[in-house]
PDB file of all heavy atoms in Angstrom:
ATOM      1  N   PRO A   1       8.866 -14.715 -22.448  1.00  0.00           N
ATOM      2  CA  PRO A   1       8.774 -13.267 -22.076  1.00  0.00           C
ATOM      3  C   PRO A   1       9.073 -13.209 -20.613  1.00  0.00           C
ATOM      4  O   PRO A   1       8.809 -13.971 -19.800  1.00  0.00           O
ATOM      5  CB  PRO A   1       7.369 -13.054 -22.358  1.00  0.00           C
ATOM      6  CG  PRO A   1       6.662 -14.375 -22.455  1.00  0.00           C
ATOM      7  CD  PRO A   1       7.652 -15.358 -22.845  1.00  0.00           C
ATOM      8  N   TRP A   2       9.575 -11.932 -20.168  1.00  0.00           N
ATOM      9  CA  TRP A   2       9.877 -11.684 -18.910  1.00  0.00           C
ATOM     10  C   TRP A   2       8.550 -11.509 -18.082  1.00  0.00           C
ATOM     11  O   TRP A   2       7.539 -10.959 -18.571  1.00  0.00           O
ATOM     12  CB  TRP A   2      10.760 -10.428 -18.724  1.00  0.00           C
ATOM     13  CG  TRP A   2      12.098 -10.524 -19.171  1.00  0.00           C
ATOM     14  CD1 TRP A   2      12.664 -11.462 -19.912  1.00  0.00           C
ATOM     15  CD2 TRP A   2      13.029  -9.507 -19.038  1.00  0.00           C
ATOM     16  NE1 TRP A   2      13.991 -11.232 -20.217  1.00  0.00           N
ATOM     17  CE2 TRP A   2      14.286  -9.928 -19.717  1.00  0.00           C
ATOM     18  CE3 TRP A   2      13.109  -8.252 -18.378  1.00  0.00           C
ATOM     19  CZ2 TRP A   2      15.500  -9.250 -19.608  1.00  0.00           C
ATOM     20  CZ3 TRP A   2      14.286  -7.529 -18.413  1.00  0.00           C
ATOM     21  CH2 TRP A   2      15.544  -8.021 -19.080  1.00  0.00           C
ATOM     22  N   LYS A   3       8.574 -12.043 -16.791  1.00  0.00           N
ATOM     23  CA  LYS A   3       7.478 -11.913 -16.021  1.00  0.00           C
ATOM     24  C   LYS A   3       7.264 -10.460 -15.495  1.00  0.00           C
ATOM     25  O   LYS A   3       8.137  -9.720 -15.521  1.00  0.00           O
ATOM     26  CB  LYS A   3       7.465 -12.877 -14.748  1.00  0.00           C
ATOM     27  CG  LYS A   3       7.527 -14.286 -15.004  1.00  0.00           C
ATOM     28  CD  LYS A   3       7.638 -15.080 -13.760  1.00  0.00           C
ATOM     29  CE  LYS A   3       7.380 -16.686 -13.937  1.00  0.00           C
ATOM     30  NZ  LYS A   3       8.378 -17.210 -14.854  1.00  0.00           N
ATOM     31  N   GLY A   4       6.019 -10.117 -15.276  1.00  0.00           N
ATOM     32  CA  GLY A   4       5.852  -8.747 -14.846  1.00  0.00           C
ATOM     33  C   GLY A   4       4.505  -8.531 -14.064  1.00  0.00           C
ATOM     34  O   GLY A   4       3.800  -9.436 -13.726  1.00  0.00           O
ATOM     35  N   GLU A   5       4.272  -7.294 -13.734  1.00  0.00           N
ATOM     36  CA  GLU A   5       3.026  -6.947 -12.919  1.00  0.00           C
ATOM     37  C   GLU A   5       2.469  -5.614 -13.378  1.00  0.00           C
ATOM     38  O   GLU A   5       3.243  -4.816 -14.059  1.00  0.00           O
ATOM     39  CB  GLU A   5       3.384  -6.788 -11.493  1.00  0.00           C
ATOM     40  CG  GLU A   5       3.967  -8.132 -10.868  1.00  0.00           C
ATOM     41  CD  GLU A   5       2.802  -9.143 -10.645  1.00  0.00           C
ATOM     42  OE1 GLU A   5       1.509  -8.866 -10.835  1.00  0.00           O
ATOM     43  OE2 GLU A   5       3.095 -10.250 -10.367  1.00  0.00           O
ATOM     44  N   ARG A   6       1.206  -5.287 -13.108  1.00  0.00           N
ATOM     45  CA  ARG A   6       0.658  -4.021 -13.315  1.00  0.00           C
ATOM     46  C   ARG A   6       0.109  -3.599 -12.003  1.00  0.00           C
ATOM     47  O   ARG A   6      -0.534  -4.343 -11.299  1.00  0.00           O
ATOM     48  CB  ARG A   6      -0.512  -4.158 -14.315  1.00  0.00           C
ATOM     49  CG  ARG A   6      -1.405  -2.885 -14.347  1.00  0.00           C
ATOM     50  CD  ARG A   6      -2.721  -3.182 -15.152  1.00  0.00           C
ATOM     51  NE  ARG A   6      -3.519  -1.831 -15.184  1.00  0.00           N
ATOM     52  CZ  ARG A   6      -4.422  -1.494 -14.289  1.00  0.00           C
ATOM     53  NH1 ARG A   6      -4.414  -2.055 -13.077  1.00  0.00           N
ATOM     54  NH2 ARG A   6      -5.004  -0.366 -14.465  1.00  0.00           N
ATOM     55  N   LEU A   7       0.530  -2.291 -11.663  1.00  0.00           N
ATOM     56  CA  LEU A   7       0.088  -1.738 -10.369  1.00  0.00           C
ATOM     57  C   LEU A   7      -0.517  -0.353 -10.597  1.00  0.00           C
ATOM     58  O   LEU A   7      -0.124   0.351 -11.579  1.00  0.00           O
ATOM     59  CB  LEU A   7       1.280  -1.507  -9.469  1.00  0.00           C
ATOM     60  CG  LEU A   7       2.176  -2.633  -9.149  1.00  0.00           C
ATOM     61  CD1 LEU A   7       3.328  -2.186  -8.108  1.00  0.00           C
ATOM     62  CD2 LEU A   7       1.449  -3.841  -8.520  1.00  0.00           C
ATOM     63  N   GLU A   8      -1.495  -0.084  -9.846  1.00  0.00           N
ATOM     64  CA  GLU A   8      -2.175   1.298  -9.920  1.00  0.00           C
ATOM     65  C   GLU A   8      -1.309   2.189  -8.958  1.00  0.00           C
ATOM     66  O   GLU A   8      -0.853   1.709  -7.984  1.00  0.00           O
ATOM     67  CB  GLU A   8      -3.536   1.346  -9.559  1.00  0.00           C
ATOM     68  CG  GLU A   8      -4.350   0.656 -10.662  1.00  0.00           C
ATOM     69  CD  GLU A   8      -5.903   0.776 -10.426  1.00  0.00           C
ATOM     70  OE1 GLU A   8      -6.225   1.488  -9.506  1.00  0.00           O
ATOM     71  OE2 GLU A   8      -6.675   0.088 -11.210  1.00  0.00           O
ATOM     72  N   LEU A   9      -1.190   3.463  -9.385  1.00  0.00           N
ATOM     73  CA  LEU A   9      -0.509   4.525  -8.573  1.00  0.00           C
ATOM     74  C   LEU A   9      -1.471   5.414  -7.868  1.00  0.00           C
ATOM     75  O   LEU A   9      -2.389   5.843  -8.554  1.00  0.00           O
ATOM     76  CB  LEU A   9       0.519   5.264  -9.449  1.00  0.00           C
ATOM     77  CG  LEU A   9       1.481   4.394 -10.219  1.00  0.00           C
ATOM     78  CD1 LEU A   9       2.348   5.286 -11.157  1.00  0.00           C
ATOM     79  CD2 LEU A   9       2.378   3.559  -9.284  1.00  0.00           C
ATOM     80  N   PRO A  10      -1.103   5.872  -6.657  1.00  0.00           N
ATOM     81  CA  PRO A  10      -0.053   5.318  -5.836  1.00  0.00           C
ATOM     82  C   PRO A  10      -0.252   3.873  -5.324  1.00  0.00           C
ATOM     83  O   PRO A  10      -1.451   3.483  -5.080  1.00  0.00           O
ATOM     84  CB  PRO A  10      -0.101   6.368  -4.653  1.00  0.00           C
ATOM     85  CG  PRO A  10      -1.502   6.725  -4.450  1.00  0.00           C
ATOM     86  CD  PRO A  10      -2.021   6.827  -5.953  1.00  0.00           C
ATOM     87  N   PRO A  11       0.749   3.177  -5.198  1.00  0.00           N
ATOM     88  CA  PRO A  11       0.577   1.708  -4.796  1.00  0.00           C
ATOM     89  C   PRO A  11       0.446   1.544  -3.395  1.00  0.00           C
ATOM     90  O   PRO A  11       0.723   2.570  -2.617  1.00  0.00           O
ATOM     91  CB  PRO A  11       1.937   1.115  -5.260  1.00  0.00           C
ATOM     92  CG  PRO A  11       2.945   2.158  -5.086  1.00  0.00           C
ATOM     93  CD  PRO A  11       2.116   3.443  -5.600  1.00  0.00           C
ATOM     94  N   GLY A  12      -0.178   0.459  -2.854  1.00  0.00           N
ATOM     95  CA  GLY A  12      -0.370   0.245  -1.560  1.00  0.00           C
ATOM     96  C   GLY A  12       0.837   0.326  -0.643  1.00  0.00           C
ATOM     97  O   GLY A  12       0.847   0.821   0.565  1.00  0.00           O
ATOM     98  N   PHE A  13       2.100   0.084  -1.169  1.00  0.00           N
ATOM     99  CA  PHE A  13       3.248   0.131  -0.311  1.00  0.00           C
ATOM    100  C   PHE A  13       3.864   1.581  -0.176  1.00  0.00           C
ATOM    101  O   PHE A  13       4.681   1.830   0.502  1.00  0.00           O
ATOM    102  CB  PHE A  13       4.337  -0.852  -0.848  1.00  0.00           C
ATOM    103  CG  PHE A  13       4.726  -0.645  -2.321  1.00  0.00           C
ATOM    104  CD1 PHE A  13       5.617   0.479  -2.687  1.00  0.00           C
ATOM    105  CD2 PHE A  13       4.273  -1.536  -3.199  1.00  0.00           C
ATOM    106  CE1 PHE A  13       5.914   0.568  -3.999  1.00  0.00           C
ATOM    107  CE2 PHE A  13       4.671  -1.403  -4.518  1.00  0.00           C
ATOM    108  CZ  PHE A  13       5.552  -0.330  -5.009  1.00  0.00           C
ATOM    109  N   ALA A  14       3.372   2.489  -1.127  1.00  0.00           N
ATOM    110  CA  ALA A  14       3.883   3.853  -1.062  1.00  0.00           C
ATOM    111  C   ALA A  14       2.560   4.778  -1.228  1.00  0.00           C
ATOM    112  O   ALA A  14       2.533   5.483  -2.226  1.00  0.00           O
ATOM    113  CB  ALA A  14       4.830   4.117  -2.023  1.00  0.00           C
ATOM    114  N   PRO A  15       1.747   4.887  -0.291  1.00  0.00           N
ATOM    115  CA  PRO A  15       0.463   5.685  -0.388  1.00  0.00           C
ATOM    116  C   PRO A  15       0.787   7.140  -0.527  1.00  0.00           C
ATOM    117  O   PRO A  15      -0.050   7.938  -0.896  1.00  0.00           O
ATOM    118  CB  PRO A  15      -0.331   5.303   0.845  1.00  0.00           C
ATOM    119  CG  PRO A  15       0.740   4.867   1.851  1.00  0.00           C
ATOM    120  CD  PRO A  15       1.682   4.121   0.974  1.00  0.00           C
ATOM    121  N   ASP A  16       1.867   7.640  -0.086  1.00  0.00           N
ATOM    122  CA  ASP A  16       2.314   9.042  -0.119  1.00  0.00           C
ATOM    123  C   ASP A  16       2.882   9.440  -1.510  1.00  0.00           C
ATOM    124  O   ASP A  16       3.262  10.658  -1.697  1.00  0.00           O
ATOM    125  CB  ASP A  16       3.392   9.404   1.002  1.00  0.00           C
ATOM    126  CG  ASP A  16       2.758   9.187   2.369  1.00  0.00           C
ATOM    127  OD1 ASP A  16       1.536   9.264   2.542  1.00  0.00           O
ATOM    128  OD2 ASP A  16       3.526   9.005   3.315  1.00  0.00           O
ATOM    129  N   LEU A  17       2.976   8.524  -2.332  1.00  0.00           N
ATOM    130  CA  LEU A  17       3.394   8.937  -3.663  1.00  0.00           C
ATOM    131  C   LEU A  17       2.531  10.002  -4.373  1.00  0.00           C
ATOM    132  O   LEU A  17       1.374   9.815  -4.228  1.00  0.00           O
ATOM    133  CB  LEU A  17       3.554   7.613  -4.548  1.00  0.00           C
ATOM    134  CG  LEU A  17       4.151   7.737  -5.989  1.00  0.00           C
ATOM    135  CD1 LEU A  17       5.657   7.802  -5.700  1.00  0.00           C
ATOM    136  CD2 LEU A  17       3.767   6.614  -6.869  1.00  0.00           C
ATOM    137  N   GLY A  18       3.181  10.949  -4.925  1.00  0.00           N
ATOM    138  CA  GLY A  18       2.370  12.076  -5.445  1.00  0.00           C
ATOM    139  C   GLY A  18       1.807  11.775  -6.904  1.00  0.00           C
ATOM    140  O   GLY A  18       1.284  12.669  -7.500  1.00  0.00           O
ATOM    141  N   TRP A  19       2.153  10.727  -7.395  1.00  0.00           N
ATOM    142  CA  TRP A  19       1.757  10.291  -8.856  1.00  0.00           C
ATOM    143  C   TRP A  19       0.413   9.456  -8.859  1.00  0.00           C
ATOM    144  O   TRP A  19       0.185   8.580  -8.023  1.00  0.00           O
ATOM    145  CB  TRP A  19       2.815   9.595  -9.494  1.00  0.00           C
ATOM    146  CG  TRP A  19       4.023  10.254  -9.834  1.00  0.00           C
ATOM    147  CD1 TRP A  19       4.226  11.675  -9.873  1.00  0.00           C
ATOM    148  CD2 TRP A  19       5.349   9.727 -10.215  1.00  0.00           C
ATOM    149  NE1 TRP A  19       5.355  12.030 -10.265  1.00  0.00           N
ATOM    150  CE2 TRP A  19       6.187  10.966 -10.586  1.00  0.00           C
ATOM    151  CE3 TRP A  19       5.895   8.522 -10.443  1.00  0.00           C
ATOM    152  CZ2 TRP A  19       7.523  10.825 -10.899  1.00  0.00           C
ATOM    153  CZ3 TRP A  19       7.143   8.373 -10.907  1.00  0.00           C
ATOM    154  CH2 TRP A  19       8.003   9.429 -11.144  1.00  0.00           C
ATOM    155  N   ILE A  20      -0.394   9.787  -9.707  1.00  0.00           N
ATOM    156  CA  ILE A  20      -1.606   8.996 -10.057  1.00  0.00           C
ATOM    157  C   ILE A  20      -1.456   8.543 -11.432  1.00  0.00           C
ATOM    158  O   ILE A  20      -1.163   9.180 -12.375  1.00  0.00           O
ATOM    159  CB  ILE A  20      -2.774   9.813  -9.960  1.00  0.00           C
ATOM    160  CG1 ILE A  20      -2.925  10.355  -8.513  1.00  0.00           C
ATOM    161  CG2 ILE A  20      -4.111   9.050 -10.421  1.00  0.00           C
ATOM    162  CD1 ILE A  20      -4.187  11.287  -8.297  1.00  0.00           C
ATOM    163  N   GLY A  21      -1.704   7.207 -11.650  1.00  0.00           N
ATOM    164  CA  GLY A  21      -1.632   6.557 -12.853  1.00  0.00           C
ATOM    165  C   GLY A  21      -1.455   5.071 -12.776  1.00  0.00           C
ATOM    166  O   GLY A  21      -1.997   4.488 -11.927  1.00  0.00           O
ATOM    167  N   VAL A  22      -0.636   4.445 -13.662  1.00  0.00           N
ATOM    168  CA  VAL A  22      -0.416   3.034 -13.626  1.00  0.00           C
ATOM    169  C   VAL A  22       1.029   2.831 -13.942  1.00  0.00           C
ATOM    170  O   VAL A  22       1.676   3.463 -14.697  1.00  0.00           O
ATOM    171  CB  VAL A  22      -1.531   2.479 -14.732  1.00  0.00           C
ATOM    172  CG1 VAL A  22      -1.022   2.863 -16.253  1.00  0.00           C
ATOM    173  CG2 VAL A  22      -1.349   0.897 -14.628  1.00  0.00           C
ATOM    174  N   GLU A  23       1.499   1.553 -13.488  1.00  0.00           N
ATOM    175  CA  GLU A  23       2.769   1.154 -13.667  1.00  0.00           C
ATOM    176  C   GLU A  23       2.783  -0.267 -14.226  1.00  0.00           C
ATOM    177  O   GLU A  23       1.987  -1.178 -13.879  1.00  0.00           O
ATOM    178  CB  GLU A  23       3.437   1.035 -12.294  1.00  0.00           C
ATOM    179  CG  GLU A  23       4.684   0.103 -12.222  1.00  0.00           C
ATOM    180  CD  GLU A  23       5.199  -0.217 -10.660  1.00  0.00           C
ATOM    181  OE1 GLU A  23       4.883   0.655  -9.911  1.00  0.00           O
ATOM    182  OE2 GLU A  23       5.824  -1.271 -10.526  1.00  0.00           O
ATOM    183  N   HIS A  24       3.710  -0.523 -15.194  1.00  0.00           N
ATOM    184  CA  HIS A  24       3.907  -1.905 -15.674  1.00  0.00           C
ATOM    185  C   HIS A  24       5.369  -2.145 -15.537  1.00  0.00           C
ATOM    186  O   HIS A  24       6.215  -1.314 -15.830  1.00  0.00           O
ATOM    187  CB  HIS A  24       3.525  -1.996 -17.138  1.00  0.00           C
ATOM    188  CG  HIS A  24       2.045  -2.072 -17.390  1.00  0.00           C
ATOM    189  ND1 HIS A  24       1.396  -3.213 -17.790  1.00  0.00           N
ATOM    190  CD2 HIS A  24       1.096  -1.087 -17.269  1.00  0.00           C
ATOM    191  CE1 HIS A  24       0.043  -2.933 -17.914  1.00  0.00           C
ATOM    192  NE2 HIS A  24      -0.073  -1.701 -17.559  1.00  0.00           N
ATOM    193  N   ILE A  25       5.697  -3.300 -15.117  1.00  0.00           N
ATOM    194  CA  ILE A  25       7.192  -3.815 -14.800  1.00  0.00           C
ATOM    195  C   ILE A  25       7.356  -5.121 -15.435  1.00  0.00           C
ATOM    196  O   ILE A  25       6.488  -5.883 -15.607  1.00  0.00           O
ATOM    197  CB  ILE A  25       7.497  -3.744 -13.258  1.00  0.00           C
ATOM    198  CG1 ILE A  25       8.957  -3.871 -12.989  1.00  0.00           C
ATOM    199  CG2 ILE A  25       6.595  -4.918 -12.550  1.00  0.00           C
ATOM    200  CD1 ILE A  25       9.266  -3.657 -11.509  1.00  0.00           C
ATOM    201  N   ARG A  26       8.656  -5.203 -15.933  1.00  0.00           N
ATOM    202  CA  ARG A  26       9.158  -6.486 -16.468  1.00  0.00           C
ATOM    203  C   ARG A  26      10.372  -6.916 -15.734  1.00  0.00           C
ATOM    204  O   ARG A  26      11.433  -6.167 -15.803  1.00  0.00           O
ATOM    205  CB  ARG A  26       9.234  -6.442 -17.962  1.00  0.00           C
ATOM    206  CG  ARG A  26       7.950  -6.313 -18.715  1.00  0.00           C
ATOM    207  CD  ARG A  26       7.079  -7.405 -18.591  1.00  0.00           C
ATOM    208  NE  ARG A  26       5.817  -7.207 -19.286  1.00  0.00           N
ATOM    209  CZ  ARG A  26       4.642  -6.645 -18.921  1.00  0.00           C
ATOM    210  NH1 ARG A  26       4.762  -6.105 -17.663  1.00  0.00           N
ATOM    211  NH2 ARG A  26       3.619  -6.478 -19.683  1.00  0.00           N
ATOM    212  N   PHE A  27      10.403  -8.058 -15.194  1.00  0.00           N
ATOM    213  CA  PHE A  27      11.610  -8.536 -14.426  1.00  0.00           C
ATOM    214  C   PHE A  27      12.605  -9.320 -15.211  1.00  0.00           C
ATOM    215  O   PHE A  27      12.052 -10.205 -15.895  1.00  0.00           O
ATOM    216  CB  PHE A  27      11.129  -9.337 -13.150  1.00  0.00           C
ATOM    217  CG  PHE A  27      10.196  -8.777 -12.226  1.00  0.00           C
ATOM    218  CD1 PHE A  27       8.889  -9.346 -12.157  1.00  0.00           C
ATOM    219  CD2 PHE A  27      10.360  -7.623 -11.552  1.00  0.00           C
ATOM    220  CE1 PHE A  27       8.018  -8.723 -11.257  1.00  0.00           C
ATOM    221  CE2 PHE A  27       9.509  -7.052 -10.762  1.00  0.00           C
ATOM    222  CZ  PHE A  27       8.318  -7.576 -10.594  1.00  0.00           C
TER     223      PHE A  27
END
């Protein structure tokens, strides 16, 4: 399986993001 991560939104690297929620990514 591809490696991945789970992040909460907005993420620390983009605190100005207007979205609230969660992100899942697969590399």
